[in-house]
Amino acid sequence: MERLILQFWTALLDFLFPPKCPLCGGEPEGGDAGICGGCWEEIKGSFRGEVSEMPWGGKLFVLADFDGKVQEAIHLLKYRHRRSLGRALGRWMGEKLKEVPGFSEVHLVVPVPLHPRRRAERGYNQSWEIARGVGEVVGVPVEETLSRSRNTPSQTGLDVREREENVRDAFRARRPLGKEKVLLVDDVLTTGATASECAKVLKEAGAEQISVAVVARPGL
């Protein structure tokens, strides 16, 4: 009953105050997740799909630069409760990943986890939403294989060494991995400290190969 009431009031408010694209203020037509078609075209135009290597030898896929409309979209996803944006960005990332050799043989898509307290505050894990979109497109199961055992402070403003110390021993594997090839998914990668710590835990759990895919990275 509560859900029906919420849906009724949401529909009424949308009728009285038609939603606008949060990126440009225009009509959200021809797009997805409340973003208008024009803004999506600008976002997609910045997709570069760069592949490099992580310190442990795994492949890194970065969809776009962390600036412009891409940065605004990620901020909406993380801080403005635009949950559906994560799934939409994940689907686009999945389409690009299908074109990249080395990313087509993964067995499992794993999101970087949030601590339960942080997840409760936000209401969802943005990396899980992105991972769901990726999994839908590439046809691979998505699983919260990792948990976050420490509620670490934000990495923003920390240097490389501080970031590494901040996330050290902050993750745990929920189950053993039987030589599975894992794709670790996150929204933004800066120094790679979080991804490296997650990869260490996944490898200790038995993963044969760990690749990483993120929506954006500063200074790509």
Protein backbone atom coordinates (compact mmCIF):
# COMPACT_ATOMS: atom_id res chain seq x y z
CA MET A 1 0.00 0.00 0.00
CA GLU A 2 2.78 2.44 0.89
CA ARG A 3 4.46 1.79 -2.47
CA LEU A 4 1.18 2.48 -4.32
CA ILE A 5 0.73 5.74 -2.42
CA LEU A 6 4.31 6.75 -3.24
CA GLN A 7 3.80 5.90 -6.92
CA PHE A 8 0.58 7.95 -6.98
CA TRP A 9 2.21 11.04 -5.48
CA THR A 10 5.26 10.67 -7.72
CA ALA A 11 3.04 10.48 -10.81
CA LEU A 12 0.99 13.48 -9.61
CA LEU A 13 4.10 15.59 -8.97
CA ASP A 14 5.53 14.63 -12.38
CA PHE A 15 2.24 15.75 -13.97
CA LEU A 16 2.09 19.06 -12.08
CA PHE A 17 5.83 19.74 -12.32
CA PRO A 18 7.22 17.92 -15.37
CA PRO A 19 10.78 16.71 -14.69
CA LYS A 20 13.67 18.45 -16.41
CA CYS A 21 17.02 17.06 -17.46
CA PRO A 22 19.27 17.67 -14.41
CA LEU A 23 22.25 18.41 -16.65
CA CYS A 24 20.79 21.07 -18.93
CA GLY A 25 17.29 21.85 -17.62
CA GLY A 26 15.67 20.75 -20.89
CA GLU A 27 12.95 18.20 -21.51
CA PRO A 28 14.24 14.68 -20.75
CA GLU A 29 13.13 13.31 -24.11
CA GLY A 30 15.01 10.78 -26.19
CA GLY A 31 17.31 9.84 -23.32
CA ASP A 32 17.52 7.51 -20.37
CA ALA A 33 17.51 7.73 -16.56
CA GLY A 34 16.05 11.26 -16.67
CA ILE A 35 18.88 12.62 -18.84
CA CYS A 36 17.82 14.16 -22.15
CA GLY A 37 18.92 12.77 -25.49
CA GLY A 38 21.16 15.75 -26.20
CA CYS A 39 23.11 15.37 -22.97
CA TRP A 40 23.43 11.62 -23.54
CA GLU A 41 24.88 12.29 -26.98
CA GLU A 42 27.44 14.63 -25.40
CA ILE A 43 28.29 12.04 -22.74
CA LYS A 44 28.62 9.25 -25.31
CA GLY A 45 30.81 11.48 -27.45
CA SER A 46 33.36 11.53 -24.62
CA PHE A 47 33.55 7.72 -24.36
CA ARG A 48 37.09 6.70 -25.26
CA GLY A 49 37.45 3.20 -23.89
CA GLU A 50 41.14 3.34 -23.02
CA VAL A 51 42.83 0.10 -21.95
CA SER A 52 45.95 -0.03 -19.78
CA GLU A 53 47.48 -2.32 -17.17
CA MET A 54 47.14 -2.38 -13.40
CA PRO A 55 50.18 -2.99 -11.12
CA TRP A 56 49.31 -6.68 -10.64
CA GLY A 57 49.11 -7.23 -14.41
CA GLY A 58 45.35 -7.12 -14.80
CA LYS A 59 43.75 -5.02 -17.53
CA LEU A 60 42.12 -1.67 -16.77
CA PHE A 61 39.30 -0.30 -18.92
CA VAL A 62 38.38 3.38 -18.51
CA LEU A 63 35.29 4.55 -20.36
CA ALA A 64 35.80 8.34 -20.21
CA ASP A 65 37.55 11.33 -18.70
CA PHE A 66 36.23 12.47 -15.33
CA ASP A 67 35.13 15.91 -16.47
CA GLY A 68 32.30 17.74 -18.20
CA LYS A 69 28.93 16.01 -18.44
CA VAL A 70 30.45 12.66 -17.39
CA GLN A 71 31.61 14.14 -14.09
CA GLU A 72 28.22 15.80 -13.56
CA ALA A 73 26.42 12.52 -14.25
CA ILE A 74 28.58 10.63 -11.75
CA HIS A 75 27.95 13.30 -9.11
CA LEU A 76 24.20 12.97 -9.74
CA LEU A 77 24.52 9.21 -9.32
CA LYS A 78 26.52 9.41 -6.08
CA TYR A 79 25.16 12.48 -4.34
CA ARG A 80 21.73 13.27 -5.83
CA HIS A 81 20.06 9.84 -5.62
CA ARG A 82 19.98 9.33 -9.40
CA ARG A 83 20.31 5.58 -8.97
CA SER A 84 19.11 4.66 -12.46
CA LEU A 85 22.03 6.59 -13.95
CA GLY A 86 24.40 3.90 -12.66
CA ARG A 87 22.62 1.15 -14.55
CA ALA A 88 22.48 3.28 -17.72
CA LEU A 89 26.21 4.08 -17.55
CA GLY A 90 26.91 0.42 -16.86
CA ARG A 91 25.01 -0.66 -19.96
CA TRP A 92 27.03 1.73 -22.11
CA MET A 93 30.23 0.47 -20.52
CA GLY A 94 29.15 -3.10 -21.22
CA GLU A 95 28.61 -2.31 -24.90
CA LYS A 96 32.13 -0.89 -25.14
CA LEU A 97 33.66 -3.80 -23.20
CA LYS A 98 32.23 -6.29 -25.72
CA GLU A 99 34.47 -4.67 -28.33
CA VAL A 100 37.68 -5.00 -26.29
CA PRO A 101 39.77 -8.21 -26.46
CA GLY A 102 40.50 -9.65 -23.03
CA PHE A 103 37.27 -8.48 -21.42
CA SER A 104 34.95 -10.94 -23.12
CA GLU A 105 35.95 -14.01 -21.11
CA VAL A 106 35.09 -12.90 -17.57
CA HIS A 107 33.02 -15.26 -15.41
CA LEU A 108 31.87 -12.80 -12.75
CA VAL A 109 31.25 -9.06 -12.41
CA VAL A 110 32.02 -7.75 -8.91
CA PRO A 111 31.30 -4.18 -7.72
CA VAL A 112 33.61 -2.37 -5.32
CA PRO A 113 31.62 -2.49 -2.06
CA LEU A 114 30.50 0.29 0.26
CA HIS A 115 30.59 -0.10 4.03
CA PRO A 116 27.07 -0.94 5.33
CA ARG A 117 26.87 2.42 7.12
CA ARG A 118 27.76 4.37 3.98
CA ARG A 119 25.37 2.27 1.92
CA ALA A 120 22.56 2.92 4.40
CA GLU A 121 23.21 6.67 4.22
CA ARG A 122 23.15 6.71 0.41
CA GLY A 123 20.46 4.06 0.03
CA TYR A 124 22.42 2.04 -2.54
CA ASN A 125 25.92 1.29 -3.80
CA GLN A 126 26.57 3.19 -7.03
CA SER A 127 29.16 0.62 -8.13
CA TRP A 128 26.57 -2.16 -7.79
CA GLU A 129 24.20 -0.24 -10.06
CA ILE A 130 26.94 0.21 -12.67
CA ALA A 131 27.93 -3.46 -12.38
CA ARG A 132 24.28 -4.51 -12.93
CA GLY A 133 24.21 -2.60 -16.20
CA VAL A 134 27.48 -4.17 -17.32
CA GLY A 135 26.27 -7.66 -16.43
CA GLU A 136 23.02 -7.21 -18.34
CA VAL A 137 24.86 -6.37 -21.55
CA VAL A 138 27.78 -8.83 -21.39
CA GLY A 139 25.62 -11.65 -20.03
CA VAL A 140 27.75 -12.37 -16.97
CA PRO A 141 26.50 -12.86 -13.37
CA VAL A 142 26.92 -9.90 -11.00
CA GLU A 143 27.73 -10.74 -7.41
CA GLU A 144 28.65 -8.82 -4.27
CA THR A 145 31.62 -11.09 -3.66
CA LEU A 146 33.44 -8.46 -1.61
CA SER A 147 32.41 -6.75 1.62
CA ARG A 148 33.89 -3.68 3.27
CA SER A 149 34.91 -4.41 6.84
CA ARG A 150 36.05 -0.88 7.73
CA ASN A 151 34.16 2.35 7.12
CA THR A 152 37.14 4.19 5.69
CA PRO A 153 37.19 7.99 5.30
CA SER A 154 36.77 9.43 1.82
CA GLN A 155 39.85 9.16 -0.39
CA THR A 156 39.34 12.74 -1.61
CA GLY A 157 42.28 14.95 -0.74
CA LEU A 158 44.62 12.08 0.18
CA ASP A 159 47.93 11.47 -1.58
CA VAL A 160 48.92 8.09 -3.03
CA ARG A 161 50.47 6.70 0.16
CA GLU A 162 47.60 7.92 2.32
CA ARG A 163 45.07 6.35 -0.03
CA GLU A 164 46.88 3.01 0.15
CA GLU A 165 46.96 3.10 3.96
CA ASN A 166 43.33 4.21 4.12
CA VAL A 167 42.03 1.09 2.34
CA ARG A 168 44.57 -1.44 3.60
CA ASP A 169 42.77 -4.55 4.91
CA ALA A 170 39.41 -2.83 4.40
CA PHE A 171 37.89 -5.60 2.26
CA ARG A 172 36.92 -9.24 2.72
CA ALA A 173 35.83 -11.98 0.30
CA ARG A 174 32.44 -13.49 1.07
CA ARG A 175 33.32 -16.85 -0.48
CA PRO A 176 36.17 -18.76 -2.14
CA LEU A 177 36.59 -18.21 -5.87
CA GLY A 178 37.36 -21.24 -8.00
CA LYS A 179 39.86 -19.82 -10.49
CA GLU A 180 37.21 -17.47 -11.81
CA LYS A 181 38.04 -14.55 -14.08
CA VAL A 182 36.64 -11.50 -12.33
CA LEU A 183 35.76 -8.05 -13.63
CA LEU A 184 35.91 -5.50 -10.79
CA VAL A 185 33.66 -2.49 -11.44
CA ASP A 186 33.72 0.99 -9.90
CA ASP A 187 32.58 4.49 -10.80
CA VAL A 188 35.89 6.42 -10.68
CA LEU A 189 39.53 5.36 -10.43
CA THR A 190 42.13 7.88 -9.28
CA THR A 191 45.34 6.29 -7.99
CA GLY A 192 44.06 2.71 -8.14
CA ALA A 193 44.59 2.08 -4.41
CA THR A 194 41.05 0.79 -3.82
CA ALA A 195 41.07 -1.42 -6.92
CA SER A 196 44.48 -2.85 -6.00
CA GLU A 197 43.36 -3.72 -2.47
CA CYS A 198 40.18 -5.36 -3.80
CA ALA A 199 42.21 -7.31 -6.36
CA LYS A 200 44.54 -8.58 -3.64
CA VAL A 201 41.59 -9.96 -1.69
CA LEU A 202 40.02 -11.52 -4.79
CA LYS A 203 43.30 -13.20 -5.68
CA GLU A 204 43.69 -14.54 -2.15
CA ALA A 205 40.17 -15.97 -2.48
CA GLY A 206 41.26 -17.90 -5.57
CA ALA A 207 40.44 -15.67 -8.56
CA GLU A 208 42.58 -16.58 -11.55
CA GLN A 209 42.36 -13.19 -13.26
CA ILE A 210 41.17 -9.77 -12.09
CA SER A 211 40.41 -7.00 -14.57
CA VAL A 212 39.00 -3.58 -13.72
CA ALA A 213 36.43 -1.42 -15.50
CA VAL A 214 35.50 2.10 -14.38
CA VAL A 215 33.27 4.77 -15.84
CA ALA A 216 35.85 7.53 -15.51
CA ARG A 217 39.33 8.50 -14.45
CA PRO A 218 40.73 12.02 -13.90
CA GLY A 219 43.29 13.07 -16.48
CA LEU A 220 42.81 10.16 -18.85
